[in-house]
Amino acid sequence: MSEAYIVAAVRTAGGRRGGRLSGWHPVDLAGRVIDALVARSGADPASVEDVILGCVSQVGEQSTNVARNAVLASGLPESVPGTSVDRQCGSSQQALHFAAQAVISGTMDVVIAAGVESMSRVPMGSPHALAAKAAMGDYMSPAIRARYPGTPLFSQFAGAEMMARKYELSRELLDDYALASHRRAAAAVRGAAFGDEILPLPIRTSDGAESEDMHTIDEGIRFDATIEAIRSVKLLQEGGVITAANASQICDGASGVMVMNERGLKASGARPLARIRHMSVLGHDPAIMLEAPIPATAKALARARLSIDDIDLFEVNEAFASVPLAWLKATGADPERLNARGGAIALGHPLGASGTKLMATLVHALRQTGKRYGLQTMCEGGGMANVTIVEALR
């Protein structure tokens, strides 16, 4: 059986809602990432056998198979197909798993896994005209309602509050974590740590014109963040602990990785950055849906025959501060190894793009610091979590 190697990993810097990436059509944004992956790998564009692209809000400019449209907006030949994946926030992490499974099986040798989400142009919840009522259960399947009577399903905000209560996480702990996310991200920028992963892009105006100003720094980072400012933000729910300041930021962005097996490496001459050591996905309680990364991590480590201490760096998506904090408490992982360059609270969470975004950060961080193993996981709508373990190569 072949192995799966990551030979290129790239992301855009995150853009705030209505910010520096809002002038970019999401298809063009994804197309630029695809072109960057091909250029960095040195592969023949015609050797790419599929593009698997994660996207959550597949409507409007992100509809009609956004993956295929991204291929047509890129420099790839039109013979390259594309398919779109929705595993909620883990969409592009799942795209990576599908790509790796394809090259491991030998049915393909070179596959691009990517993700895109323009939350400025296609707002969260857009695929569902009645999303708010659906979240409240008004349009829930009768079978699901019967299975989970009286349970608030499909609400990540409710799940985040449930996580905080279950793991005894106070508002103060969540706010302290949020401040740390901004400080770590700011330090990473000042140390040029993101240079290997970020694709510089010109700013586009609403009429499509491009300026000479390049977007290279994640727009959500608050370089002057203070605990006083974070604690002044009002609660999203009376009596709760979640605020906009200790939750992930709405974000525009695209990201991707190129995956090859040994045959693809030999044909292209590409040098691998990392080897994929493990891939899994787990379903969990759909009410406290954000808890899934905890049992998923335990399952993944057991399958990979590794301990939590064997992992050098962790990327656990900061959908809400209660998620990584609960994960830390449950796993006993070293907090210094978790989201060492900040997370979605500071850098933004472009939904379908976050999976390969985190992987780009993880792979480059491992290589830059001389570390070996990295583990990535994230909570996903409906109570799921993907886990990917990679081994950096040099």
Protein backbone atom coordinates (compact mmCIF):
# COMPACT_ATOMS: atom_id res chain seq x y z
CA MET A 1 0.00 0.00 0.00
CA SER A 2 1.25 3.47 -0.89
CA GLU A 3 1.70 6.32 1.56
CA ALA A 4 0.33 9.86 1.31
CA TYR A 5 2.67 12.84 1.35
CA ILE A 6 1.94 16.56 1.54
CA VAL A 7 4.20 18.32 -0.97
CA ALA A 8 2.78 21.85 -0.77
CA ALA A 9 0.59 23.68 1.74
CA VAL A 10 -0.63 27.24 1.41
CA ARG A 11 -3.32 29.59 2.68
CA THR A 12 -4.43 33.14 2.23
CA ALA A 13 -4.17 35.49 5.16
CA GLY A 14 -7.61 35.75 6.72
CA GLY A 15 -9.85 38.66 5.81
CA ARG A 16 -12.40 40.25 8.09
CA ARG A 17 -16.05 40.44 7.07
CA GLY A 18 -16.21 43.27 4.55
CA GLY A 19 -12.42 43.54 4.70
CA ARG A 20 -9.40 43.09 2.47
CA LEU A 21 -10.55 39.87 0.78
CA SER A 22 -14.21 40.78 0.37
CA GLY A 23 -13.60 42.00 -3.18
CA TRP A 24 -12.50 38.54 -4.23
CA HIS A 25 -15.01 36.13 -5.74
CA PRO A 26 -14.57 32.90 -3.72
CA VAL A 27 -14.02 30.86 -6.88
CA ASP A 28 -11.13 33.12 -7.90
CA LEU A 29 -9.74 32.98 -4.38
CA ALA A 30 -9.68 29.19 -4.47
CA GLY A 31 -8.26 29.25 -8.00
CA ARG A 32 -5.28 31.31 -6.85
CA VAL A 33 -4.57 28.82 -4.07
CA ILE A 34 -4.68 25.94 -6.56
CA ASP A 35 -2.20 27.74 -8.80
CA ALA A 36 0.11 28.39 -5.85
CA LEU A 37 0.08 24.71 -4.88
CA VAL A 38 1.02 23.67 -8.41
CA ALA A 39 3.79 26.27 -8.58
CA ARG A 40 5.25 25.34 -5.19
CA SER A 41 5.21 21.62 -5.91
CA GLY A 42 6.70 21.93 -9.37
CA ALA A 43 4.18 19.38 -10.63
CA ASP A 44 2.82 19.34 -14.16
CA PRO A 45 -0.68 20.91 -13.91
CA ALA A 46 -2.02 18.11 -16.09
CA SER A 47 -0.82 15.53 -13.53
CA VAL A 48 -3.44 16.68 -10.99
CA GLU A 49 -6.13 14.01 -11.05
CA ASP A 50 -8.75 15.64 -8.86
CA VAL A 51 -9.47 18.73 -6.78
CA ILE A 52 -11.48 18.06 -3.63
CA LEU A 53 -12.60 21.30 -2.05
CA GLY A 54 -14.39 21.98 1.23
CA CYS A 55 -17.04 24.66 1.48
CA VAL A 56 -19.90 24.98 3.95
CA SER A 57 -22.21 27.61 2.43
CA GLN A 58 -22.59 26.14 -1.05
CA VAL A 59 -25.00 28.71 -2.44
CA GLY A 60 -24.73 31.81 -4.62
CA GLU A 61 -21.12 32.41 -5.63
CA GLN A 62 -20.16 29.19 -3.87
CA SER A 63 -22.81 27.02 -5.56
CA THR A 64 -22.93 24.66 -8.56
CA ASN A 65 -19.90 22.62 -7.47
CA VAL A 66 -17.53 25.35 -6.33
CA ALA A 67 -14.59 22.93 -6.65
CA ARG A 68 -15.07 22.50 -10.39
CA ASN A 69 -15.51 26.24 -10.79
CA ALA A 70 -12.26 26.82 -8.89
CA VAL A 71 -10.48 24.49 -11.32
CA LEU A 72 -11.84 26.45 -14.26
CA ALA A 73 -10.70 29.71 -12.63
CA SER A 74 -7.20 28.33 -12.12
CA GLY A 75 -4.38 27.47 -14.49
CA LEU A 76 -5.23 23.77 -14.42
CA PRO A 77 -6.34 22.19 -17.70
CA GLU A 78 -10.07 21.64 -18.00
CA SER A 79 -9.44 17.89 -17.96
CA VAL A 80 -8.96 18.15 -14.17
CA PRO A 81 -12.23 17.44 -12.34
CA GLY A 82 -13.37 18.82 -8.99
CA THR A 83 -15.85 17.90 -6.29
CA SER A 84 -17.13 19.81 -3.27
CA VAL A 85 -17.30 18.54 0.31
CA ASP A 86 -19.43 19.68 3.24
CA ARG A 87 -18.49 18.23 6.61
CA GLN A 88 -19.27 21.57 8.20
CA CYS A 89 -16.21 23.19 9.80
CA GLY A 90 -14.11 20.12 8.98
CA SER A 91 -14.89 20.26 5.26
CA SER A 92 -11.38 20.82 3.93
CA GLN A 93 -9.85 18.53 6.56
CA GLN A 94 -12.17 15.86 5.18
CA ALA A 95 -11.11 16.88 1.67
CA LEU A 96 -7.53 16.14 2.74
CA HIS A 97 -8.60 12.73 4.03
CA PHE A 98 -10.34 11.91 0.76
CA ALA A 99 -7.28 13.03 -1.21
CA ALA A 100 -4.93 10.97 0.95
CA GLN A 101 -7.18 7.92 0.70
CA ALA A 102 -7.13 8.24 -3.09
CA VAL A 103 -3.34 8.27 -3.36
CA ILE A 104 -2.89 5.57 -0.70
CA SER A 105 -5.21 3.30 -2.68
CA GLY A 106 -3.21 3.94 -5.84
CA THR A 107 -6.28 4.95 -7.82
CA MET A 108 -4.75 8.43 -8.10
CA ASP A 109 -1.23 9.75 -7.64
CA VAL A 110 -1.66 13.53 -7.38
CA VAL A 111 -4.67 15.19 -5.74
CA ILE A 112 -5.31 18.70 -4.43
CA ALA A 113 -7.33 19.12 -1.24
CA ALA A 114 -8.49 22.65 -0.56
CA GLY A 115 -11.19 24.82 0.95
CA VAL A 116 -12.77 28.22 0.53
CA GLU A 117 -15.29 30.40 2.32
CA SER A 118 -16.15 34.00 1.63
CA MET A 119 -18.25 34.82 4.65
CA SER A 120 -18.52 38.43 3.46
CA ARG A 121 -20.13 37.51 0.16
CA VAL A 122 -21.94 34.33 1.20
CA PRO A 123 -23.00 34.85 4.83
CA MET A 124 -23.06 31.95 7.28
CA GLY A 125 -26.40 30.14 7.13
CA SER A 126 -27.08 31.19 3.54
CA PRO A 127 -27.86 27.66 2.28
CA HIS A 128 -30.88 27.63 4.55
CA ALA A 129 -33.35 30.44 4.07
CA LEU A 130 -34.92 29.42 7.36
CA ALA A 131 -31.62 28.69 9.11
CA ALA A 132 -32.58 30.40 12.35
CA LYS A 133 -35.80 28.43 12.68
CA ALA A 134 -34.03 25.23 11.66
CA ALA A 135 -31.49 25.77 14.42
CA MET A 136 -34.34 26.15 16.90
CA GLY A 137 -35.78 22.82 15.74
CA ASP A 138 -38.84 24.16 13.93
CA TYR A 139 -37.88 22.25 10.77
CA MET A 140 -36.08 19.33 12.36
CA SER A 141 -36.68 15.83 11.06
CA PRO A 142 -39.41 14.09 13.07
CA ALA A 143 -37.13 11.07 13.46
CA ILE A 144 -34.32 13.19 14.91
CA ARG A 145 -36.76 15.03 17.17
CA ALA A 146 -38.02 11.70 18.48
CA ARG A 147 -34.49 10.45 19.09
CA TYR A 148 -33.41 13.62 20.92
CA PRO A 149 -36.57 14.98 22.58
CA GLY A 150 -36.19 18.40 24.17
CA THR A 151 -32.54 18.67 23.13
CA PRO A 152 -31.18 21.86 21.48
CA LEU A 153 -29.56 20.47 18.33
CA PHE A 154 -27.63 22.22 15.58
CA SER A 155 -26.71 25.19 17.78
CA GLN A 156 -22.98 25.58 18.18
CA PHE A 157 -23.53 28.46 20.60
CA ALA A 158 -25.54 26.17 22.87
CA GLY A 159 -22.85 23.51 22.48
CA ALA A 160 -20.13 25.97 23.47
CA GLU A 161 -22.01 26.92 26.63
CA MET A 162 -22.60 23.25 27.45
CA MET A 163 -18.88 22.58 27.07
CA ALA A 164 -18.03 25.40 29.45
CA ARG A 165 -20.46 24.11 32.07
CA LYS A 166 -19.39 20.47 31.78
CA TYR A 167 -15.68 21.24 32.03
CA GLU A 168 -16.12 24.02 34.61
CA LEU A 169 -14.67 26.78 32.45
CA SER A 170 -15.33 30.31 33.68
CA ARG A 171 -15.75 33.46 31.60
CA GLU A 172 -12.38 34.60 32.98
CA LEU A 173 -10.62 31.45 31.74
CA LEU A 174 -12.17 31.81 28.30
CA ASP A 175 -11.20 35.47 28.07
CA ASP A 176 -7.65 34.73 29.21
CA TYR A 177 -7.40 32.11 26.49
CA ALA A 178 -8.71 34.56 23.88
CA LEU A 179 -6.05 37.07 24.84
CA ALA A 180 -3.38 34.39 24.53
CA SER A 181 -4.62 33.54 21.03
CA HIS A 182 -4.16 37.15 19.88
CA ARG A 183 -0.76 37.42 21.55
CA ARG A 184 0.50 34.20 20.01
CA ALA A 185 -0.74 35.21 16.56
CA ALA A 186 0.83 38.65 16.89
CA ALA A 187 4.14 37.11 17.94
CA ALA A 188 4.00 34.77 14.95
CA VAL A 189 3.53 37.72 12.60
CA ARG A 190 6.35 39.69 14.20
CA GLY A 191 8.61 36.64 13.90
CA ALA A 192 7.65 36.09 10.24
CA ALA A 193 6.47 32.59 11.18
CA PHE A 194 3.61 32.60 8.66
CA GLY A 195 5.80 33.51 5.70
CA ASP A 196 6.07 29.98 4.31
CA GLU A 197 2.33 29.36 4.31
CA ILE A 198 0.67 32.64 3.30
CA LEU A 199 -0.05 33.42 -0.34
CA PRO A 200 0.15 37.20 -0.85
CA LEU A 201 -2.84 38.57 -2.73
CA PRO A 202 -3.59 42.03 -4.11
CA ILE A 203 -6.56 43.88 -2.65
CA ARG A 204 -9.52 43.85 -5.05
CA THR A 205 -12.18 46.51 -5.14
CA SER A 206 -15.85 45.76 -5.74
CA ASP A 207 -15.41 46.42 -9.48
CA GLY A 208 -12.62 43.85 -9.71
CA ALA A 209 -9.70 46.27 -9.95
CA GLU A 210 -6.55 45.23 -8.09
CA SER A 211 -4.43 47.58 -6.05
CA GLU A 212 -0.68 47.39 -5.49
CA ASP A 213 -1.32 46.81 -1.80
CA MET A 214 -0.89 43.12 -0.93
CA HIS A 215 -2.83 41.23 1.71
CA THR A 216 -0.27 39.24 3.73
CA ILE A 217 -1.32 39.54 7.39
CA ASP A 218 -4.38 37.97 9.01
CA GLU A 219 -6.76 40.86 9.41
CA GLY A 220 -8.40 39.68 12.61
CA ILE A 221 -5.34 39.80 14.85
CA ARG A 222 -5.61 42.47 17.53
CA PHE A 223 -2.01 43.44 18.10
CA ASP A 224 -3.07 45.73 20.94
CA ALA A 225 -5.46 43.26 22.62
CA THR A 226 -5.97 43.71 26.35
CA ILE A 227 -7.82 41.62 28.86
CA GLU A 228 -9.86 44.68 29.86
CA ALA A 229 -11.15 45.11 26.32
CA ILE A 230 -11.95 41.40 25.95
CA ARG A 231 -13.83 41.30 29.26
CA SER A 232 -15.89 44.35 28.30
CA VAL A 233 -17.59 42.48 25.44
CA LYS A 234 -21.17 41.57 26.28
CA LEU A 235 -22.34 37.99 26.72
CA LEU A 236 -24.15 36.30 23.87
CA GLN A 237 -26.51 34.64 26.33
CA GLU A 238 -27.63 35.88 29.72
CA GLY A 239 -25.96 33.81 32.43
CA GLY A 240 -23.51 32.30 29.93
CA VAL A 241 -19.78 32.70 29.34
CA ILE A 242 -19.47 32.96 25.55
CA THR A 243 -18.88 36.33 23.89
CA ALA A 244 -17.82 37.47 20.46
CA ALA A 245 -14.36 38.08 21.92
CA ASN A 246 -13.78 34.49 23.07
CA ALA A 247 -15.26 32.93 19.93
CA SER A 248 -13.84 32.54 16.42
CA GLN A 249 -14.03 35.43 13.97
CA ILE A 250 -16.08 35.48 10.79
CA CYS A 251 -13.48 35.31 8.04
CA ASP A 252 -12.86 35.18 4.29
CA GLY A 253 -10.14 32.84 3.08
CA ALA A 254 -8.93 29.90 1.05
CA SER A 255 -6.32 27.24 1.67
CA GLY A 256 -5.05 23.97 0.25
CA VAL A 257 -2.52 21.17 0.19
CA MET A 258 -1.21 18.98 -2.60
CA VAL A 259 -1.04 15.27 -1.82
CA MET A 260 1.00 12.63 -3.67
CA ASN A 261 2.02 9.01 -3.29
CA GLU A 262 5.46 7.62 -4.14
CA ARG A 263 4.58 7.31 -7.82
CA GLY A 264 3.48 10.94 -7.90
CA LEU A 265 6.67 12.04 -6.17
CA LYS A 266 8.84 10.15 -8.65
CA ALA A 267 7.00 11.52 -11.68
CA SER A 268 6.99 15.13 -10.48
CA GLY A 269 10.29 15.34 -8.65
CA ALA A 270 8.48 17.03 -5.78
CA ARG A 271 9.96 16.91 -2.28
CA PRO A 272 7.52 15.97 0.48
CA LEU A 273 6.98 18.27 3.45
CA ALA A 274 5.19 15.73 5.59
CA ARG A 275 3.79 12.19 5.66
CA ILE A 276 0.21 11.57 6.73
CA ARG A 277 0.37 9.09 9.59
CA HIS A 278 -3.29 8.83 10.57
CA MET A 279 -6.76 9.94 9.45
CA SER A 280 -10.06 9.33 11.20
CA VAL A 281 -13.46 10.87 11.82
CA LEU A 282 -15.89 10.30 14.65
CA GLY A 283 -19.53 11.07 15.35
CA HIS A 284 -20.58 12.16 18.84
CA ASP A 285 -23.45 13.76 20.77
CA PRO A 286 -25.16 16.31 18.45
CA ALA A 287 -26.27 18.48 21.37
CA ILE A 288 -22.87 19.11 23.00
CA MET A 289 -21.56 18.79 19.46
CA LEU A 290 -18.28 20.61 20.07
CA GLU A 291 -17.03 17.87 22.39
CA ALA A 292 -16.32 15.40 19.56
CA PRO A 293 -12.58 16.28 19.24
CA ILE A 294 -11.97 14.80 22.72
CA PRO A 295 -13.03 11.18 22.04
CA ALA A 296 -11.81 11.52 18.45
CA THR A 297 -8.31 12.39 19.66
CA ALA A 298 -8.26 9.41 22.03
CA LYS A 299 -9.35 7.09 19.22
CA ALA A 300 -6.79 8.51 16.78
CA LEU A 301 -3.86 8.21 19.17
CA ALA A 302 -4.78 4.60 19.97
CA ARG A 303 -5.05 3.73 16.28
CA ALA A 304 -1.74 5.46 15.52
CA ARG A 305 -0.09 3.81 18.56
CA LEU A 306 1.04 7.16 19.88
CA SER A 307 0.57 8.89 23.21
CA ILE A 308 -0.46 12.50 23.76
CA ASP A 309 3.13 13.25 24.78
CA ASP A 310 4.46 11.92 21.47
CA ILE A 311 2.77 14.80 19.64
CA ASP A 312 4.92 17.91 19.31
CA LEU A 313 2.28 20.39 18.11
CA PHE A 314 -1.51 20.44 18.18
CA GLU A 315 -3.97 22.44 16.11
CA VAL A 316 -7.42 22.32 17.73
CA ASN A 317 -9.78 24.73 16.03
CA GLU A 318 -10.80 27.63 18.25
CA ALA A 319 -14.45 27.72 17.26
CA PHE A 320 -15.02 28.91 20.83
CA ALA A 321 -12.45 29.14 23.62
CA SER A 322 -14.33 26.45 25.52
CA VAL A 323 -13.37 23.87 22.87
CA PRO A 324 -9.55 23.88 23.16
CA LEU A 325 -9.73 24.48 26.91
CA ALA A 326 -12.01 21.47 27.43
CA TRP A 327 -9.81 19.43 25.08
CA LEU A 328 -6.73 20.36 27.13
CA LYS A 329 -8.45 19.43 30.38
CA ALA A 330 -9.61 16.06 29.01
CA THR A 331 -6.41 15.03 27.22
CA GLY A 332 -3.77 16.39 29.60
CA ALA A 333 -1.82 17.77 26.64
CA ASP A 334 0.92 20.35 27.13
CA PRO A 335 -0.79 23.76 26.65
CA GLU A 336 2.42 25.20 25.18
CA ARG A 337 2.07 22.81 22.23
CA LEU A 338 -1.52 23.81 21.48
CA ASN A 339 -2.24 26.44 18.80
CA ALA A 340 1.24 27.84 19.35
CA ARG A 341 0.75 30.49 16.65
CA GLY A 342 -2.73 31.52 17.68
CA GLY A 343 -6.02 30.19 16.43
CA ALA A 344 -9.38 31.13 14.99
CA ILE A 345 -10.15 33.57 17.81
CA ALA A 346 -7.37 35.76 16.44
CA LEU A 347 -6.85 34.49 12.90
CA GLY A 348 -10.44 33.84 11.87
CA HIS A 349 -12.45 30.74 10.96
CA PRO A 350 -13.30 30.66 7.25
CA LEU A 351 -15.51 27.58 7.77
CA GLY A 352 -14.85 25.30 4.79
CA ALA A 353 -11.28 26.56 4.41
CA SER A 354 -10.23 26.06 8.03
CA GLY A 355 -9.20 22.40 7.71
CA THR A 356 -6.40 22.84 5.19
CA LYS A 357 -5.66 26.27 6.68
CA LEU A 358 -4.76 24.66 10.00
CA MET A 359 -2.82 21.94 8.19
CA ALA A 360 -0.75 24.52 6.33
CA THR A 361 0.12 26.15 9.65
CA LEU A 362 0.85 22.81 11.32
CA VAL A 363 3.12 21.43 8.60
CA HIS A 364 5.19 24.58 8.29
CA ALA A 365 5.42 25.05 12.07
CA LEU A 366 6.71 21.51 12.52
CA ARG A 367 9.37 22.01 9.88
CA GLN A 368 10.43 25.43 11.10
CA THR A 369 10.84 24.25 14.70
CA GLY A 370 12.45 20.91 13.89
CA LYS A 371 9.55 18.98 15.42
CA ARG A 372 8.23 15.61 14.23
CA TYR A 373 4.56 14.88 14.94
CA GLY A 374 1.53 17.13 14.64
CA LEU A 375 -2.14 16.45 15.38
CA GLN A 376 -5.05 18.45 14.01
CA THR A 377 -8.69 18.20 15.01
CA MET A 378 -11.77 20.37 14.97
CA CYS A 379 -15.37 20.28 16.11
CA GLU A 380 -17.98 20.05 13.39
CA GLY A 381 -21.70 20.74 13.14
CA GLY A 382 -23.87 17.78 14.04
CA GLY A 383 -21.36 16.44 16.57
CA MET A 384 -18.39 15.18 14.53
CA ALA A 385 -14.63 15.60 14.50
CA ASN A 386 -11.85 14.73 12.08
CA VAL A 387 -8.35 13.95 13.34
CA THR A 388 -5.21 14.02 11.20
CA ILE A 389 -1.74 13.12 12.44
CA VAL A 390 1.23 14.11 10.28
CA GLU A 391 4.95 13.52 10.47
CA ALA A 392 7.21 16.32 9.26
CA LEU A 393 9.94 15.35 6.78
CA ARG A 394 13.20 17.09 5.93
